[in-house]
Amino acid sequence: MTLTKSITVTARIDGRVLEELEVGNMAEAAIVANDMHDTWEPEYGTAVEVTIE
């Protein structure tokens, strides 16, 4: 049996979750986080908090 830890990337604004995705590795997490910034910041016109956990 192989145990894997999931990596979750979450975009939030004012504490409200805009988008949350599970990814397979940190490289993918970095790409997804960048895409979330590019997607949500122009739409809301302000900084979006993106976390990788």
PDB file of N, CA and C in Angstrom:
ATOM      1  N   MET A   1       0.845  -1.179   0.000  1.00  0.00           N
ATOM      2  CA  MET A   1       0.000   0.000   0.000  1.00  0.00           C
ATOM      3  C   MET A   1       0.894   1.247   0.000  1.00  0.00           C
ATOM      4  N   THR A   2       0.532   2.202  -0.812  1.00  0.00           N
ATOM      5  CA  THR A   2       1.270   3.449  -0.896  1.00  0.00           C
ATOM      6  C   THR A   2       0.419   4.574  -0.328  1.00  0.00           C
ATOM      7  N   LEU A   3       0.999   5.324   0.583  1.00  0.00           N
ATOM      8  CA  LEU A   3       0.304   6.473   1.151  1.00  0.00           C
ATOM      9  C   LEU A   3       0.770   7.727   0.433  1.00  0.00           C
ATOM     10  N   THR A   4      -0.163   8.531   0.013  1.00  0.00           N
ATOM     11  CA  THR A   4       0.183   9.790  -0.637  1.00  0.00           C
ATOM     12  C   THR A   4      -0.508  10.926   0.086  1.00  0.00           C
ATOM     13  N   LYS A   5       0.169  12.024   0.183  1.00  0.00           N
ATOM     14  CA  LYS A   5      -0.410  13.206   0.793  1.00  0.00           C
ATOM     15  C   LYS A   5      -0.984  14.083  -0.313  1.00  0.00           C
ATOM     16  N   SER A   6      -2.217  14.474  -0.152  1.00  0.00           N
ATOM     17  CA  SER A   6      -2.807  15.341  -1.166  1.00  0.00           C
ATOM     18  C   SER A   6      -2.329  16.773  -0.954  1.00  0.00           C
ATOM     19  N   ILE A   7      -2.231  17.485  -2.044  1.00  0.00           N
ATOM     20  CA  ILE A   7      -1.844  18.894  -2.026  1.00  0.00           C
ATOM     21  C   ILE A   7      -3.053  19.681  -2.528  1.00  0.00           C
ATOM     22  N   THR A   8      -3.490  20.621  -1.727  1.00  0.00           N
ATOM     23  CA  THR A   8      -4.660  21.426  -2.078  1.00  0.00           C
ATOM     24  C   THR A   8      -4.236  22.862  -2.347  1.00  0.00           C
ATOM     25  N   VAL A   9      -4.695  23.395  -3.464  1.00  0.00           N
ATOM     26  CA  VAL A   9      -4.445  24.792  -3.827  1.00  0.00           C
ATOM     27  C   VAL A   9      -5.791  25.513  -3.729  1.00  0.00           C
ATOM     28  N   THR A  10      -5.817  26.598  -2.954  1.00  0.00           N
ATOM     29  CA  THR A  10      -7.067  27.303  -2.703  1.00  0.00           C
ATOM     30  C   THR A  10      -6.907  28.789  -2.990  1.00  0.00           C
ATOM     31  N   ALA A  11      -7.856  29.354  -3.728  1.00  0.00           N
ATOM     32  CA  ALA A  11      -7.894  30.801  -3.978  1.00  0.00           C
ATOM     33  C   ALA A  11      -9.007  31.390  -3.120  1.00  0.00           C
ATOM     34  N   ARG A  12      -8.660  32.456  -2.377  1.00  0.00           N
ATOM     35  CA  ARG A  12      -9.642  33.104  -1.501  1.00  0.00           C
ATOM     36  C   ARG A  12      -9.583  34.620  -1.685  1.00  0.00           C
ATOM     37  N   ILE A  13     -10.711  35.240  -1.432  1.00  0.00           N
ATOM     38  CA  ILE A  13     -10.757  36.693  -1.347  1.00  0.00           C
ATOM     39  C   ILE A  13     -11.647  37.028  -0.153  1.00  0.00           C
ATOM     40  N   ASP A  14     -11.137  37.830   0.747  1.00  0.00           N
ATOM     41  CA  ASP A  14     -11.841  38.180   1.984  1.00  0.00           C
ATOM     42  C   ASP A  14     -12.340  36.938   2.715  1.00  0.00           C
ATOM     43  N   GLY A  15     -11.534  35.864   2.728  1.00  0.00           N
ATOM     44  CA  GLY A  15     -11.890  34.646   3.437  1.00  0.00           C
ATOM     45  C   GLY A  15     -12.836  33.721   2.697  1.00  0.00           C
ATOM     46  N   ARG A  16     -13.385  34.170   1.601  1.00  0.00           N
ATOM     47  CA  ARG A  16     -14.338  33.356   0.822  1.00  0.00           C
ATOM     48  C   ARG A  16     -13.580  32.540  -0.219  1.00  0.00           C
ATOM     49  N   VAL A  17     -13.850  31.239  -0.254  1.00  0.00           N
ATOM     50  CA  VAL A  17     -13.183  30.360  -1.216  1.00  0.00           C
ATOM     51  C   VAL A  17     -13.764  30.577  -2.606  1.00  0.00           C
ATOM     52  N   LEU A  18     -12.880  30.895  -3.554  1.00  0.00           N
ATOM     53  CA  LEU A  18     -13.288  31.077  -4.949  1.00  0.00           C
ATOM     54  C   LEU A  18     -13.117  29.781  -5.730  1.00  0.00           C
ATOM     55  N   GLU A  19     -12.022  29.080  -5.418  1.00  0.00           N
ATOM     56  CA  GLU A  19     -11.695  27.865  -6.153  1.00  0.00           C
ATOM     57  C   GLU A  19     -10.768  27.025  -5.285  1.00  0.00           C
ATOM     58  N   GLU A  20     -10.949  25.712  -5.356  1.00  0.00           N
ATOM     59  CA  GLU A  20     -10.091  24.804  -4.598  1.00  0.00           C
ATOM     60  C   GLU A  20      -9.844  23.555  -5.434  1.00  0.00           C
ATOM     61  N   LEU A  21      -8.577  23.205  -5.607  1.00  0.00           N
ATOM     62  CA  LEU A  21      -8.223  22.044  -6.421  1.00  0.00           C
ATOM     63  C   LEU A  21      -7.196  21.183  -5.704  1.00  0.00           C
ATOM     64  N   GLU A  22      -7.315  19.872  -5.848  1.00  0.00           N
ATOM     65  CA  GLU A  22      -6.290  18.958  -5.363  1.00  0.00           C
ATOM     66  C   GLU A  22      -5.375  18.605  -6.530  1.00  0.00           C
ATOM     67  N   VAL A  23      -4.069  18.617  -6.267  1.00  0.00           N
ATOM     68  CA  VAL A  23      -3.088  18.313  -7.296  1.00  0.00           C
ATOM     69  C   VAL A  23      -2.151  17.217  -6.808  1.00  0.00           C
ATOM     70  N   GLY A  24      -1.338  16.698  -7.723  1.00  0.00           N
ATOM     71  CA  GLY A  24      -0.504  15.550  -7.402  1.00  0.00           C
ATOM     72  C   GLY A  24       0.878  15.854  -6.879  1.00  0.00           C
ATOM     73  N   ASN A  25       1.425  17.044  -7.189  1.00  0.00           N
ATOM     74  CA  ASN A  25       2.782  17.356  -6.736  1.00  0.00           C
ATOM     75  C   ASN A  25       2.962  18.874  -6.650  1.00  0.00           C
ATOM     76  N   MET A  26       4.094  19.285  -6.067  1.00  0.00           N
ATOM     77  CA  MET A  26       4.326  20.709  -5.851  1.00  0.00           C
ATOM     78  C   MET A  26       4.533  21.488  -7.149  1.00  0.00           C
ATOM     79  N   ALA A  27       5.111  20.861  -8.159  1.00  0.00           N
ATOM     80  CA  ALA A  27       5.282  21.549  -9.438  1.00  0.00           C
ATOM     81  C   ALA A  27       3.918  21.893 -10.030  1.00  0.00           C
ATOM     82  N   GLU A  28       3.015  20.945  -9.989  1.00  0.00           N
ATOM     83  CA  GLU A  28       1.656  21.184 -10.482  1.00  0.00           C
ATOM     84  C   GLU A  28       0.960  22.238  -9.624  1.00  0.00           C
ATOM     85  N   ALA A  29       1.200  22.203  -8.318  1.00  0.00           N
ATOM     86  CA  ALA A  29       0.589  23.176  -7.412  1.00  0.00           C
ATOM     87  C   ALA A  29       1.028  24.597  -7.765  1.00  0.00           C
ATOM     88  N   ALA A  30       2.295  24.770  -8.097  1.00  0.00           N
ATOM     89  CA  ALA A  30       2.800  26.098  -8.459  1.00  0.00           C
ATOM     90  C   ALA A  30       2.144  26.610  -9.737  1.00  0.00           C
ATOM     91  N   ILE A  31       1.969  25.726 -10.698  1.00  0.00           N
ATOM     92  CA  ILE A  31       1.319  26.119 -11.965  1.00  0.00           C
ATOM     93  C   ILE A  31      -0.140  26.486 -11.720  1.00  0.00           C
ATOM     94  N   VAL A  32      -0.837  25.676 -10.945  1.00  0.00           N
ATOM     95  CA  VAL A  32      -2.250  25.934 -10.645  1.00  0.00           C
ATOM     96  C   VAL A  32      -2.399  27.240  -9.870  1.00  0.00           C
ATOM     97  N   ALA A  33      -1.517  27.479  -8.894  1.00  0.00           N
ATOM     98  CA  ALA A  33      -1.582  28.717  -8.115  1.00  0.00           C
ATOM     99  C   ALA A  33      -1.407  29.939  -9.012  1.00  0.00           C
ATOM    100  N   ASN A  34      -0.477  29.870  -9.934  1.00  0.00           N
ATOM    101  CA  ASN A  34      -0.256  30.973 -10.872  1.00  0.00           C
ATOM    102  C   ASN A  34      -1.491  31.193 -11.751  1.00  0.00           C
ATOM    103  N   ASP A  35      -2.071  30.104 -12.225  1.00  0.00           N
ATOM    104  CA  ASP A  35      -3.285  30.205 -13.041  1.00  0.00           C
ATOM    105  C   ASP A  35      -4.441  30.823 -12.255  1.00  0.00           C
ATOM    106  N   MET A  36      -4.548  30.468 -10.965  1.00  0.00           N
ATOM    107  CA  MET A  36      -5.616  31.043 -10.131  1.00  0.00           C
ATOM    108  C   MET A  36      -5.444  32.551 -10.004  1.00  0.00           C
ATOM    109  N   HIS A  37      -4.205  33.002  -9.786  1.00  0.00           N
ATOM    110  CA  HIS A  37      -3.953  34.449  -9.727  1.00  0.00           C
ATOM    111  C   HIS A  37      -4.362  35.104 -11.034  1.00  0.00           C
ATOM    112  N   ASP A  38      -3.957  34.517 -12.144  1.00  0.00           N
ATOM    113  CA  ASP A  38      -4.256  35.090 -13.462  1.00  0.00           C
ATOM    114  C   ASP A  38      -5.750  35.102 -13.760  1.00  0.00           C
ATOM    115  N   THR A  39      -6.480  34.155 -13.205  1.00  0.00           N
ATOM    116  CA  THR A  39      -7.924  34.060 -13.455  1.00  0.00           C
ATOM    117  C   THR A  39      -8.727  34.999 -12.566  1.00  0.00           C
ATOM    118  N   TRP A  40      -8.463  34.976 -11.250  1.00  0.00           N
ATOM    119  CA  TRP A  40      -9.334  35.671 -10.305  1.00  0.00           C
ATOM    120  C   TRP A  40      -8.983  37.130 -10.061  1.00  0.00           C
ATOM    121  N   GLU A  41      -7.706  37.499 -10.089  1.00  0.00           N
ATOM    122  CA  GLU A  41      -7.354  38.888  -9.788  1.00  0.00           C
ATOM    123  C   GLU A  41      -7.938  39.886 -10.779  1.00  0.00           C
ATOM    124  N   PRO A  42      -7.872  39.636 -12.101  1.00  0.00           N
ATOM    125  CA  PRO A  42      -8.495  40.594 -13.019  1.00  0.00           C
ATOM    126  C   PRO A  42     -10.020  40.683 -12.837  1.00  0.00           C
ATOM    127  N   GLU A  43     -10.629  39.567 -12.508  1.00  0.00           N
ATOM    128  CA  GLU A  43     -12.086  39.552 -12.346  1.00  0.00           C
ATOM    129  C   GLU A  43     -12.535  40.384 -11.151  1.00  0.00           C
ATOM    130  N   TYR A  44     -11.762  40.333 -10.044  1.00  0.00           N
ATOM    131  CA  TYR A  44     -12.138  41.070  -8.833  1.00  0.00           C
ATOM    132  C   TYR A  44     -11.403  42.395  -8.696  1.00  0.00           C
ATOM    133  N   GLY A  45     -10.353  42.609  -9.479  1.00  0.00           N
ATOM    134  CA  GLY A  45      -9.631  43.873  -9.439  1.00  0.00           C
ATOM    135  C   GLY A  45      -8.840  44.084  -8.162  1.00  0.00           C
ATOM    136  N   THR A  46      -8.547  43.028  -7.446  1.00  0.00           N
ATOM    137  CA  THR A  46      -7.779  43.122  -6.203  1.00  0.00           C
ATOM    138  C   THR A  46      -6.976  41.839  -6.017  1.00  0.00           C
ATOM    139  N   ALA A  47      -6.073  41.868  -5.057  1.00  0.00           N
ATOM    140  CA  ALA A  47      -5.237  40.693  -4.806  1.00  0.00           C
ATOM    141  C   ALA A  47      -6.077  39.530  -4.289  1.00  0.00           C
ATOM    142  N   VAL A  48      -5.751  38.360  -4.775  1.00  0.00           N
ATOM    143  CA  VAL A  48      -6.404  37.125  -4.341  1.00  0.00           C
ATOM    144  C   VAL A  48      -5.374  36.309  -3.576  1.00  0.00           C
ATOM    145  N   GLU A  49      -5.760  35.809  -2.413  1.00  0.00           N
ATOM    146  CA  GLU A  49      -4.863  34.968  -1.617  1.00  0.00           C
ATOM    147  C   GLU A  49      -4.924  33.539  -2.152  1.00  0.00           C
ATOM    148  N   VAL A  50      -3.783  32.998  -2.537  1.00  0.00           N
ATOM    149  CA  VAL A  50      -3.710  31.618  -3.005  1.00  0.00           C
ATOM    150  C   VAL A  50      -2.787  30.857  -2.065  1.00  0.00           C
ATOM    151  N   THR A  51      -3.295  29.768  -1.486  1.00  0.00           N
ATOM    152  CA  THR A  51      -2.498  28.969  -0.564  1.00  0.00           C
ATOM    153  C   THR A  51      -2.297  27.566  -1.114  1.00  0.00           C
ATOM    154  N   ILE A  52      -1.154  26.981  -0.760  1.00  0.00           N
ATOM    155  CA  ILE A  52      -0.839  25.600  -1.099  1.00  0.00           C
ATOM    156  C   ILE A  52      -0.657  24.869   0.217  1.00  0.00           C
ATOM    157  N   GLU A  53      -1.472  23.859   0.434  1.00  0.00           N
ATOM    158  CA  GLU A  53      -1.411  23.100   1.691  1.00  0.00           C
ATOM    159  C   GLU A  53      -1.282  21.631   1.398  1.00  0.00           C
TER     160      GLU A  53
END
